[in-house]
Protein backbone atom coordinates (compact mmCIF):
# COMPACT_ATOMS: atom_id res chain seq x y z
CA MET A 1 -6.12 38.55 -12.43
CA THR A 2 -3.79 37.71 -15.52
CA ILE A 3 -3.42 34.24 -16.78
CA ARG A 4 0.02 34.04 -15.68
CA ARG A 5 -0.99 34.72 -11.83
CA ARG A 6 -3.84 32.56 -11.75
CA LEU A 7 -1.53 29.68 -12.80
CA LEU A 8 1.04 30.42 -9.96
CA SER A 9 -2.33 30.76 -7.70
CA ALA A 10 -3.35 27.19 -8.74
CA ALA A 11 0.37 25.89 -8.67
CA ALA A 12 0.35 26.43 -5.13
CA LEU A 13 -1.92 23.62 -4.57
CA LEU A 14 0.55 21.18 -6.36
CA PRO A 15 3.57 19.61 -5.16
CA LEU A 16 6.19 21.25 -7.47
CA ALA A 17 7.88 17.88 -7.97
CA LEU A 18 4.72 16.44 -9.39
CA LEU A 19 3.87 19.15 -12.02
CA LEU A 20 5.01 17.29 -14.93
CA GLY A 21 6.45 14.04 -13.80
CA ALA A 22 8.72 14.15 -16.73
CA GLN A 23 12.54 14.30 -17.92
CA GLU A 24 13.94 16.42 -20.71
CA PRO A 25 16.98 15.28 -22.60
CA VAL A 26 20.55 16.27 -21.61
CA GLN A 27 21.18 19.80 -23.60
CA GLY A 28 24.18 20.16 -25.14
CA GLY A 29 24.40 17.03 -27.61
CA ALA A 30 24.44 14.35 -25.07
CA SER A 31 22.53 11.31 -26.41
CA VAL A 32 20.07 9.13 -24.27
CA GLU A 33 21.35 5.88 -22.69
CA ALA A 34 19.41 2.81 -23.07
CA PRO A 35 19.81 0.00 -20.20
CA ALA A 36 21.98 -2.94 -20.49
CA ALA A 37 19.51 -6.09 -21.10
CA SER A 38 17.68 -7.75 -23.67
CA ASP A 39 13.92 -8.61 -24.60
CA SER A 40 15.25 -12.32 -25.54
CA GLY A 41 12.25 -14.34 -23.95
CA THR A 42 15.05 -16.55 -23.11
CA GLY A 43 13.65 -18.56 -19.94
CA ALA A 44 17.10 -19.93 -18.70
CA ASN A 45 20.79 -19.44 -19.82
CA GLY A 46 22.54 -21.84 -21.66
CA ALA A 47 24.07 -23.55 -18.71
CA SER A 48 20.88 -23.89 -17.31
CA GLN A 49 18.61 -24.72 -19.83
CA ALA A 50 17.81 -28.42 -18.39
CA ALA A 51 16.93 -27.06 -15.37
CA ALA A 52 14.41 -24.74 -17.31
CA SER A 53 12.89 -27.98 -18.44
CA THR A 54 12.19 -29.30 -14.70
CA PRO A 55 8.66 -30.65 -14.56
CA THR A 56 6.16 -28.44 -12.71
CA ALA A 57 6.92 -29.63 -9.20
CA GLY A 58 10.35 -28.04 -9.48
CA PRO A 59 13.67 -29.10 -9.65
CA SER A 60 14.87 -32.02 -7.20
CA GLY A 61 17.97 -29.99 -6.76
CA PRO A 62 19.95 -26.66 -7.50
CA ALA A 63 20.83 -25.87 -10.89
CA SER A 64 23.63 -24.14 -11.95
CA GLY A 65 24.62 -21.54 -14.57
CA SER A 66 26.17 -17.86 -15.31
CA GLY A 67 24.00 -15.38 -16.93
CA ALA A 68 25.28 -15.42 -20.36
CA GLY A 69 22.15 -14.10 -21.78
CA VAL A 70 22.80 -10.75 -19.68
CA ALA A 71 24.31 -7.80 -21.07
CA ILE A 72 25.86 -5.04 -18.81
CA SER A 73 26.87 -1.48 -19.66
CA GLY A 74 26.11 -1.37 -23.32
CA ALA A 75 27.51 -4.58 -24.30
CA GLY A 76 24.39 -5.64 -25.79
CA ASN A 77 22.72 -9.29 -25.78
CA SER A 78 24.71 -12.05 -27.74
CA GLY A 79 21.51 -12.64 -29.89
CA SER A 80 19.93 -10.77 -32.56
CA ASP A 81 16.47 -9.85 -31.02
CA PRO A 82 15.38 -6.84 -32.56
CA GLY A 83 13.76 -6.06 -29.33
CA ALA A 84 17.19 -5.77 -27.33
CA HIS A 85 17.22 -3.48 -24.61
CA ALA A 86 20.66 -2.62 -24.52
CA GLY A 87 22.96 0.43 -23.60
CA GLY A 88 24.61 3.34 -25.67
CA GLY A 89 26.53 6.28 -24.86
CA GLY A 90 25.40 9.25 -22.74
CA THR A 91 22.70 9.65 -19.98
CA ILE A 92 19.11 10.64 -19.49
CA ALA A 93 18.53 13.91 -17.47
CA SER A 94 16.38 12.85 -14.54
CA PRO A 95 15.06 16.19 -13.03
CA SER A 96 15.22 16.07 -8.88
CA PRO A 97 12.05 15.96 -7.15
CA ALA A 98 13.06 19.59 -6.23
CA GLY A 99 12.98 20.71 -9.69
CA GLY A 100 15.91 19.28 -11.76
CA GLU A 101 19.42 19.39 -12.32
CA ASP A 102 19.62 22.87 -14.37
CA GLY A 103 20.47 24.96 -11.52
CA GLY A 104 16.87 24.86 -10.16
CA THR A 105 13.39 25.77 -11.96
CA SER A 106 11.17 28.47 -10.56
CA ALA A 107 7.84 27.85 -9.25
CA GLU A 108 6.29 30.30 -12.03
CA ALA A 109 8.00 28.46 -14.73
CA GLU A 110 6.86 25.07 -13.58
CA ALA A 111 3.10 26.35 -13.18
CA VAL A 112 3.50 27.64 -16.74
CA ALA A 113 4.80 24.49 -18.02
CA ALA A 114 2.31 22.29 -16.24
CA ALA A 115 -0.58 24.27 -17.87
CA ALA A 116 0.84 23.85 -21.05
CA VAL A 117 1.09 20.08 -20.88
CA GLN A 118 -2.60 20.04 -21.27
CA GLY A 119 -3.00 22.85 -23.67
CA GLY A 120 -1.98 26.02 -21.65
CA ALA A 121 -4.13 28.48 -19.43
CA ASP A 122 -6.30 27.79 -16.55
CA ALA A 123 -8.25 24.92 -18.52
CA GLY A 124 -4.98 23.11 -18.91
CA LEU A 125 -3.97 23.30 -15.36
CA THR A 126 -7.67 21.93 -14.12
CA THR A 127 -7.12 19.00 -16.28
CA LEU A 128 -4.09 17.80 -14.63
CA VAL A 129 -5.84 17.92 -11.44
CA THR A 130 -9.13 16.51 -12.39
CA VAL A 131 -8.45 13.72 -14.51
CA PRO A 132 -7.37 10.76 -12.58
CA GLY A 133 -4.05 9.52 -13.67
CA LEU A 134 -2.45 12.27 -15.54
CA LEU A 135 -0.44 13.67 -12.59
CA PRO A 136 1.58 11.18 -10.47
CA PRO A 137 0.79 11.22 -6.93
CA ALA A 138 4.12 10.98 -5.78
CA PRO A 139 7.69 12.17 -7.30
CA VAL A 140 8.38 9.57 -9.82
CA PRO A 141 11.98 8.00 -9.17
CA SER A 142 14.79 8.40 -11.57
CA ARG A 143 15.27 4.78 -12.80
CA LEU A 144 19.15 5.31 -13.73
CA THR A 145 19.91 7.51 -10.50
CA ALA A 146 17.60 6.12 -7.67
CA PRO A 147 15.94 2.93 -8.52
CA PRO A 148 13.05 2.36 -6.12
CA MET A 149 13.94 -1.08 -5.40
CA ALA A 150 17.09 -0.16 -3.27
CA LYS A 151 14.29 0.82 -0.49
CA LEU A 152 12.10 -2.14 -0.66
CA GLN A 153 10.66 -3.04 2.65
CA THR A 154 8.55 -6.20 3.84
CA MET A 155 4.85 -5.71 4.13
CA PRO A 156 3.43 -5.59 7.65
CA ARG A 157 1.78 -8.69 8.60
CA ALA A 158 -1.51 -7.05 9.35
CA ALA A 159 -1.85 -6.07 5.74
CA ASP A 160 -0.68 -9.37 4.42
CA LEU A 161 -3.53 -11.57 4.03
CA MET A 162 -1.75 -14.36 2.27
CA ALA A 163 0.83 -14.54 5.17
CA ARG A 164 -1.86 -14.91 7.68
CA ALA A 165 -4.28 -17.30 5.53
CA LYS A 166 -4.39 -20.90 6.92
CA LEU A 167 -5.50 -24.16 4.72
CA GLN A 168 -8.98 -25.29 5.69
CA GLY A 169 -10.15 -28.17 3.69
CA GLU A 170 -9.64 -26.84 -0.06
CA ARG A 171 -9.63 -22.93 0.68
CA LEU A 172 -7.37 -20.43 1.97
CA VAL A 173 -8.97 -18.84 5.41
CA VAL A 174 -8.27 -15.85 7.18
CA LYS A 175 -9.45 -15.68 10.77
CA GLU A 176 -9.66 -11.99 12.22
CA LYS A 177 -9.33 -11.08 15.81
CA ASP A 178 -13.20 -10.87 16.22
CA GLY A 179 -13.40 -14.41 15.29
CA HIS A 180 -14.88 -13.29 11.79
CA THR A 181 -13.35 -15.42 8.89
CA ARG A 182 -12.96 -14.84 5.21
CA ALA A 183 -12.29 -17.38 2.67
CA LEU A 184 -9.68 -16.35 -0.05
CA THR A 185 -10.21 -16.85 -3.92
CA VAL A 186 -6.47 -18.34 -4.31
CA ASP A 187 -6.12 -21.80 -5.28
CA PRO A 188 -3.82 -23.46 -2.67
CA VAL A 189 -2.38 -25.82 -5.16
CA LEU A 190 -1.51 -23.70 -7.80
CA GLN A 191 -0.23 -21.42 -4.94
CA ALA A 192 1.82 -23.80 -3.79
CA SER A 193 3.16 -25.13 -6.92
CA LEU A 194 4.30 -21.59 -8.33
CA THR A 195 6.13 -20.46 -4.72
CA LYS A 196 7.49 -24.09 -4.86
CA ILE A 197 9.25 -23.18 -8.25
CA LEU A 198 10.47 -19.72 -7.08
CA ARG A 199 11.81 -21.32 -3.93
CA ASP A 200 13.51 -24.29 -5.77
CA TYR A 201 15.25 -22.15 -8.41
CA GLU A 202 16.31 -19.96 -5.64
CA VAL A 203 15.49 -16.75 -7.53
CA PRO A 204 16.70 -13.35 -5.37
CA TYR A 205 13.14 -11.94 -5.89
CA GLY A 206 10.22 -13.23 -7.94
CA ALA A 207 6.75 -13.21 -8.07
CA ALA A 208 4.00 -14.78 -9.75
CA VAL A 209 0.20 -13.38 -10.11
CA VAL A 210 -2.74 -15.50 -11.52
CA LEU A 211 -6.21 -14.11 -12.01
CA GLU A 212 -9.56 -15.08 -13.68
CA PRO A 213 -9.68 -12.11 -15.80
CA SER A 214 -13.55 -12.08 -16.30
CA THR A 215 -14.11 -11.49 -12.76
CA GLY A 216 -10.79 -10.62 -11.35
CA ARG A 217 -10.81 -13.38 -8.81
CA VAL A 218 -6.96 -13.88 -7.97
CA LEU A 219 -5.94 -17.37 -8.11
CA ALA A 220 -2.24 -17.03 -7.08
CA LEU A 221 0.02 -14.76 -5.24
CA ALA A 222 3.41 -16.51 -5.27
CA GLU A 223 6.43 -14.67 -3.79
CA HIS A 224 9.84 -15.66 -2.77
CA SER A 225 13.20 -13.97 -2.15
CA GLN A 226 16.53 -15.80 -1.85
CA ALA A 227 18.32 -12.53 -1.10
CA GLN A 228 16.10 -11.42 1.68
CA PRO A 229 14.17 -14.54 2.90
CA GLU A 230 11.98 -12.32 5.60
CA LEU A 231 10.72 -10.11 2.66
CA ARG A 232 6.92 -10.14 1.93
CA GLY A 233 4.55 -8.32 -0.19
CA LEU A 234 6.48 -8.18 -3.96
CA PRO A 235 3.05 -9.11 -5.90
CA TYR A 236 2.02 -5.66 -4.58
CA ARG A 237 5.07 -3.57 -4.91
CA ALA A 238 5.40 -0.92 -7.81
CA VAL A 239 9.38 -0.69 -7.31
CA PHE A 240 10.22 -2.68 -10.53
CA PRO A 241 10.62 -1.00 -13.96
CA ALA A 242 7.58 -1.87 -16.38
CA ALA A 243 10.23 -1.81 -19.34
CA SER A 244 8.60 -3.30 -22.65
CA ILE A 245 5.39 -4.17 -20.92
CA PHE A 246 4.78 -0.38 -21.33
CA LYS A 247 4.58 -1.08 -24.76
CA ILE A 248 1.08 -2.54 -24.36
CA VAL A 249 -0.09 1.12 -23.29
CA THR A 250 2.11 2.63 -26.45
CA GLY A 251 0.54 0.07 -28.85
CA SER A 252 -2.79 1.05 -27.67
CA ALA A 253 -2.21 4.46 -27.88
CA LEU A 254 -0.94 3.89 -31.55
CA LEU A 255 -4.15 1.73 -32.64
CA GLU A 256 -6.48 4.98 -31.56
CA ALA A 257 -4.09 6.97 -33.62
CA GLY A 258 -4.81 5.17 -36.57
CA VAL A 259 -1.68 2.99 -37.06
CA THR A 260 -2.97 -0.40 -37.72
CA PRO A 261 -1.30 -3.85 -36.57
CA THR A 262 -0.01 -4.46 -40.56
CA MET A 263 1.10 -0.99 -41.03
CA GLU A 264 4.93 -1.27 -41.47
CA GLU A 265 7.72 0.97 -40.27
CA CYS A 266 11.39 0.90 -41.49
CA PHE A 267 14.59 1.10 -39.74
CA HIS A 268 18.26 0.75 -39.44
CA GLY A 269 19.98 -0.20 -36.34
CA GLY A 270 18.55 0.42 -33.05
CA LYS A 271 18.34 -3.16 -31.94
CA ARG A 272 20.35 -2.68 -29.07
CA ARG A 273 21.23 1.19 -28.85
CA LEU A 274 18.79 3.51 -29.50
CA THR A 275 19.67 7.20 -30.45
CA GLU A 276 18.32 9.95 -32.21
CA LYS A 277 19.74 9.13 -35.29
CA HIS A 278 17.80 5.75 -35.16
CA LEU A 279 14.51 7.53 -35.30
CA GLU A 280 15.18 9.62 -38.47
CA ASP A 281 14.02 8.05 -41.92
CA SER A 282 17.02 7.07 -43.90
CA GLU A 283 18.16 5.37 -47.18
CA ARG A 284 19.90 2.94 -44.82
CA ASP A 285 16.43 1.78 -43.61
CA GLY A 286 17.02 -1.93 -44.68
CA ALA A 287 14.13 -3.61 -42.99
CA CYS A 288 10.73 -3.14 -42.46
CA TYR A 289 8.43 -4.41 -39.37
CA SER A 290 4.36 -4.30 -38.98
CA LEU A 291 3.22 -2.62 -35.42
CA ALA A 292 2.33 -6.43 -34.62
CA LEU A 293 5.49 -7.87 -35.68
CA ALA A 294 7.42 -4.94 -33.61
CA MET A 295 5.26 -5.77 -30.58
CA GLY A 296 6.19 -9.72 -30.75
CA LYS A 297 9.71 -9.08 -31.01
CA SER A 298 9.94 -5.83 -28.92
CA ALA A 299 11.52 -3.64 -31.36
CA ASN A 300 12.53 -0.60 -29.37
CA VAL A 301 13.36 1.47 -32.38
CA ILE A 302 10.13 0.61 -34.34
CA PHE A 303 8.04 1.73 -31.25
CA ALA A 304 10.10 5.01 -30.78
CA LYS A 305 9.73 6.12 -34.47
CA LEU A 306 5.95 5.66 -34.12
CA THR A 307 5.69 7.34 -30.88
CA GLN A 308 7.79 10.34 -32.59
CA LYS A 309 5.52 10.36 -35.61
CA HIS A 310 1.78 9.64 -34.33
CA LEU A 311 1.77 10.40 -30.27
CA THR A 312 2.16 13.35 -27.92
CA ALA A 313 2.68 13.28 -24.37
CA ASP A 314 -0.80 13.99 -23.44
CA VAL A 315 -2.24 11.19 -25.75
CA LEU A 316 0.25 8.67 -24.11
CA ARG A 317 -0.53 10.29 -20.67
CA ARG A 318 -4.17 9.70 -20.94
CA MET A 319 -3.73 5.81 -22.19
CA ALA A 320 -1.35 5.18 -19.45
CA ALA A 321 -4.12 6.73 -16.88
CA ARG A 322 -6.77 4.65 -18.68
CA PHE A 323 -4.54 1.24 -17.76
CA ARG A 324 -4.23 2.49 -14.11
CA PHE A 325 -0.89 4.15 -14.03
CA ASN A 326 -0.40 7.12 -11.62
CA ARG A 327 -3.79 5.78 -10.00
CA GLU A 328 -4.94 3.76 -6.88
CA ILE A 329 -6.14 0.13 -7.67
CA ASP A 330 -9.13 -1.06 -5.52
CA PHE A 331 -7.84 -3.91 -3.93
CA VAL A 332 -8.12 -5.34 -0.18
CA VAL A 333 -4.55 -5.65 0.26
CA PRO A 334 -2.79 -2.22 0.01
CA THR A 335 -0.95 -2.09 -3.41
CA ASP A 336 1.56 0.62 -4.70
CA VAL A 337 0.43 3.05 -7.32
CA SER A 338 2.21 2.18 -10.45
CA LEU A 339 4.01 5.45 -11.41
CA ALA A 340 4.90 6.42 -14.89
CA ALA A 341 6.58 9.83 -15.85
CA VAL A 342 5.92 10.57 -19.62
CA PRO A 343 8.30 13.45 -20.83
CA GLU A 344 6.53 16.25 -22.70
CA ASP A 345 8.25 15.68 -25.99
CA GLY A 346 11.63 14.87 -27.76
CA PHE A 347 13.87 11.94 -27.83
CA ALA A 348 12.62 11.46 -24.38
CA LEU A 349 8.98 11.04 -25.11
CA ALA A 350 9.84 8.43 -27.95
CA ASN A 351 12.45 6.81 -25.32
CA THR A 352 9.44 6.25 -23.01
CA GLY A 353 7.02 5.02 -25.34
CA ALA A 354 9.67 2.29 -26.57
CA GLY A 355 9.74 1.14 -22.71
CA PHE A 356 12.76 3.00 -21.36
CA GLY A 357 11.25 5.64 -19.25
CA ASP A 358 10.61 6.05 -15.77
CA VAL A 359 7.70 3.79 -15.42
CA TYR A 360 7.12 1.28 -12.71
CA LEU A 361 4.63 -1.77 -12.30
CA SER A 362 3.48 -4.51 -9.83
CA PRO A 363 3.14 -7.71 -10.48
CA LEU A 364 -0.48 -7.52 -9.47
CA HIS A 365 -1.01 -4.43 -11.83
CA GLY A 366 0.80 -6.16 -14.69
CA ALA A 367 -1.77 -9.01 -14.79
CA LEU A 368 -4.47 -6.79 -14.86
CA LEU A 369 -2.92 -4.98 -17.80
CA ALA A 370 -3.20 -8.10 -19.85
CA SER A 371 -6.64 -8.68 -18.54
CA VAL A 372 -7.74 -5.59 -20.20
CA ALA A 373 -7.25 -7.32 -23.77
CA ALA A 374 -8.66 -10.45 -22.25
CA ASN A 375 -11.77 -8.79 -21.34
CA ASP A 376 -12.58 -7.09 -24.80
CA GLY A 377 -10.91 -3.78 -23.58
CA ARG A 378 -12.62 -3.54 -19.87
CA TRP A 379 -10.95 -2.70 -16.60
CA VAL A 380 -11.97 -5.51 -13.90
CA ASP A 381 -10.92 -4.62 -10.44
CA PRO A 382 -8.96 -7.57 -8.81
CA VAL A 383 -11.05 -9.59 -5.88
CA LEU A 384 -9.23 -11.59 -3.27
CA VAL A 385 -12.09 -12.34 -0.87
CA GLU A 386 -14.73 -14.72 -1.69
CA PRO A 387 -18.24 -13.00 -1.56
CA GLU A 388 -20.10 -14.49 1.92
CA GLN A 389 -23.28 -14.95 -0.27
CA GLY A 390 -23.74 -16.03 -3.51
CA SER A 391 -21.13 -16.42 -6.42
CA LEU A 392 -18.79 -13.98 -8.03
CA LEU A 393 -19.83 -12.82 -11.19
CA PRO A 394 -18.22 -10.93 -14.06
CA PRO A 395 -18.68 -7.28 -13.36
CA GLU A 396 -19.43 -4.77 -16.28
CA GLY A 397 -15.86 -3.05 -15.63
CA GLU A 398 -14.83 -0.12 -17.01
CA ARG A 399 -14.17 0.81 -20.79
CA VAL A 400 -10.53 0.89 -21.56
CA LEU A 401 -10.28 0.05 -25.18
CA THR A 402 -13.07 -0.44 -27.66
CA PRO A 403 -13.69 -4.05 -28.42
CA GLU A 404 -12.14 -3.73 -31.58
CA ALA A 405 -8.93 -1.98 -30.34
CA ALA A 406 -8.90 -4.89 -27.70
CA ARG A 407 -8.99 -7.30 -30.21
CA ALA A 408 -6.28 -5.80 -32.31
CA LEU A 409 -4.22 -5.33 -29.52
CA THR A 410 -4.75 -9.23 -28.94
CA ASP A 411 -3.68 -10.00 -32.13
CA MET A 412 -0.23 -8.07 -31.70
CA LEU A 413 0.39 -9.76 -28.21
CA GLU A 414 -0.12 -12.91 -29.94
CA GLU A 415 3.03 -12.22 -32.10
CA THR A 416 5.32 -11.99 -28.80
CA VAL A 417 4.32 -16.15 -28.59
CA THR A 418 4.14 -17.15 -32.33
CA HIS A 419 7.09 -15.43 -33.84
CA GLY A 420 8.75 -12.97 -31.29
CA THR A 421 10.61 -13.22 -28.07
CA ALA A 422 8.83 -15.69 -26.11
CA ARG A 423 8.72 -18.39 -29.19
CA GLY A 424 11.33 -20.57 -27.84
CA ILE A 425 9.71 -20.92 -24.43
CA PHE A 426 6.26 -21.51 -25.42
CA ARG A 427 7.58 -24.12 -27.81
CA GLU A 428 9.24 -26.24 -25.40
CA ARG A 429 8.31 -29.62 -25.88
CA ASN A 430 5.97 -31.15 -23.00
CA PHE A 431 5.68 -27.60 -21.75
CA ARG A 432 3.75 -26.03 -24.48
CA VAL A 433 1.02 -23.53 -23.98
CA ASP A 434 -1.48 -23.25 -26.81
CA ASN A 435 -3.30 -20.39 -27.98
CA ALA A 436 -1.45 -17.95 -25.26
CA VAL A 437 -0.51 -14.31 -25.97
CA GLY A 438 1.52 -11.94 -23.97
CA LYS A 439 4.31 -9.26 -23.76
CA THR A 440 7.88 -9.90 -22.41
CA GLY A 441 10.12 -7.10 -20.88
CA THR A 442 13.66 -6.91 -19.73
CA LEU A 443 15.64 -4.08 -18.27
CA ALA A 444 18.93 -3.92 -15.83
CA ASP A 445 20.19 -1.68 -12.96
CA ARG A 446 23.86 -1.12 -13.44
CA ASN A 447 25.33 -0.27 -9.83
CA PRO A 448 24.31 -2.71 -7.94
CA PHE A 449 23.39 -5.11 -11.31
CA ARG A 450 19.93 -6.11 -11.27
CA ASP A 451 18.17 -7.78 -14.11
CA TYR A 452 14.55 -7.37 -14.11
CA SER A 453 12.57 -9.84 -16.39
CA TRP A 454 8.69 -9.87 -16.95
CA PHE A 455 6.00 -11.72 -18.62
CA VAL A 456 2.31 -10.67 -18.88
CA GLY A 457 -0.48 -12.61 -20.97
CA PHE A 458 -3.45 -14.54 -20.88
CA ALA A 459 -4.75 -18.10 -22.62
CA PRO A 460 -6.83 -19.15 -24.52
CA ARG A 461 -6.61 -16.04 -26.37
CA ASP A 462 -10.17 -16.52 -27.64
CA ASN A 463 -11.85 -17.61 -24.41
CA PRO A 464 -9.47 -16.68 -21.86
CA ARG A 465 -9.71 -18.14 -18.63
CA VAL A 466 -6.30 -17.25 -16.72
CA ALA A 467 -4.14 -13.91 -16.85
CA VAL A 468 -0.80 -13.98 -15.53
CA ALA A 469 2.06 -11.59 -14.55
CA ALA A 470 5.66 -13.10 -13.74
CA LEU A 471 8.64 -11.03 -12.52
CA ILE A 472 12.05 -12.34 -11.57
CA VAL A 473 14.76 -9.88 -10.52
CA ASN A 474 18.20 -11.74 -11.15
CA ASP A 475 21.84 -11.42 -10.22
CA PRO A 476 24.39 -11.56 -13.25
CA LYS A 477 23.86 -15.47 -12.61
CA TRP A 478 20.58 -16.69 -12.99
CA ARG A 479 18.56 -19.77 -13.67
CA ILE A 480 15.05 -18.89 -14.72
CA ARG A 481 13.39 -15.58 -16.09
CA GLY A 482 10.22 -13.92 -16.12
CA THR A 483 9.30 -15.36 -19.57
CA TRP A 484 9.77 -19.00 -18.37
CA LEU A 485 7.93 -18.22 -15.17
CA GLY A 486 4.91 -16.57 -17.01
CA ARG A 487 4.54 -19.66 -19.09
CA GLU A 488 4.49 -21.88 -16.42
CA ALA A 489 2.16 -19.87 -14.54
CA LEU A 490 -0.32 -20.09 -17.57
CA ARG A 491 0.12 -23.70 -18.10
CA LEU A 492 -0.45 -24.62 -14.24
CA GLY A 493 -3.08 -22.12 -14.18
CA LEU A 494 -5.19 -23.49 -16.88
CA GLU A 495 -4.82 -27.01 -15.40
CA ARG A 496 -6.61 -25.73 -12.18
CA VAL A 497 -9.28 -23.71 -14.31
CA PRO A 498 -10.54 -26.31 -16.67
CA ALA A 499 -12.55 -25.37 -19.70
CA PRO A 500 -16.19 -25.02 -19.22
CA VAL A 501 -18.29 -28.30 -20.59
CA GLU A 502 -20.16 -27.66 -23.64
CA LEU A 503 -23.68 -28.87 -23.09
CA THR A 504 -25.13 -30.78 -26.33
CA ALA A 505 -28.48 -31.90 -26.58
CA PRO A 506 -28.94 -35.71 -26.93
CA ALA A 507 -29.50 -37.02 -30.68
CA SER A 508 -32.94 -38.19 -29.61
CA ALA A 509 -33.99 -34.57 -29.21
CA ALA A 510 -33.16 -33.24 -32.62
CA GLY A 511 -35.97 -31.50 -33.94
CA LYS A 512 -38.02 -31.36 -30.87
CA HIS A 513 -39.26 -28.21 -29.41
């Protein structure tokens, strides 16, 4: 049997829509259009900044203001953040699940292309099937033409342990029909505080997840939707664009490719609009950022250029799979798989590396991404139910990054808080969180308009006690954004998980053995 026929035979076992999980640029000279929003790290707009300074219990009354910081249809953000995610001209060509918009791609061509992704011939197609996460388990929706949030539905009560939990003493407990009870790891005080913030600020859609990174113990799964009050399950739904949170994956791949945090890349433009011209080295390159500063400022053009120069689709896919994209997360509550489509090459690949691709993330997964760096590069599964006997001990965890790469990634994430898009929020008087690290992310849907803002991170950086993810989906008028909520989740989480007491021997015992 020829190689070609063997590929076609194997391809029959795979859904055609899943063979590549990628998107190709429009042919004929059309440019790729970046979405219209900004990674400014702003916690609240100018009209409502006072509300954003409200103590942790939440505001006593509603705050007002319009989304002055939100850019629509390529207008760009009014600030000067190099990490701004804003629109330009043209569109991304997103293939339909049936095989694309070019008149239909044959099964034969798709099978050959699928094998070529991994190096060609039979071994390449086998790799796609056998390596977890390299192949999306479902068609990846187009962010521009079919945003999956439009199909968001509530979680069935039977699966929603948090909705069924009752407070008994200082614990949340779920009682099953057979009379068996399960104590949850969630801290009721932290859960109530974060839920109150989301409700008081009347966020259209919002979620905050807090974990103990070393054990995976879930400390909070707060959620609220003012737009759909009956909606439940937001922390587990991967219908939200990952945006610049995906730079954590790209940055990790760049570190393994030999790019150091201090290595500089120069650029011209690309702060709000990203086009193929911005990826060309030019005499017009008048500014240079290190990889670490580019992470902190969420500089799209830097990540796009470095992706183009140092990464292949295969490398980026494999790193995404290690961070559990396109893979199930082992959790007691059904959790969506975070889908990621990585285009094969060209500007579409660079755009995905910068955070503009068809990549989706659940808030629970976002906190786990941050936990990888907090755990010296190890993945630790989340835990929601306390063990019936004994205590929950830190597991070994699966190795995602080397300890050296994890420390370098942590250094890069620290730039977000010290010099980057979250600097202002984390320096706010009376609400500071020292030694925090993290990443912001912002993107927007156009019709209907939805502004997605993220923060994922952990603190303190050297001995992490809490890791968080915060997501808010806003209308054009808004009160708080993900960075502000993420800072509060860190601050309140640290209050509930105090630093361990260091035991020292009394002075009288000095010199004794």
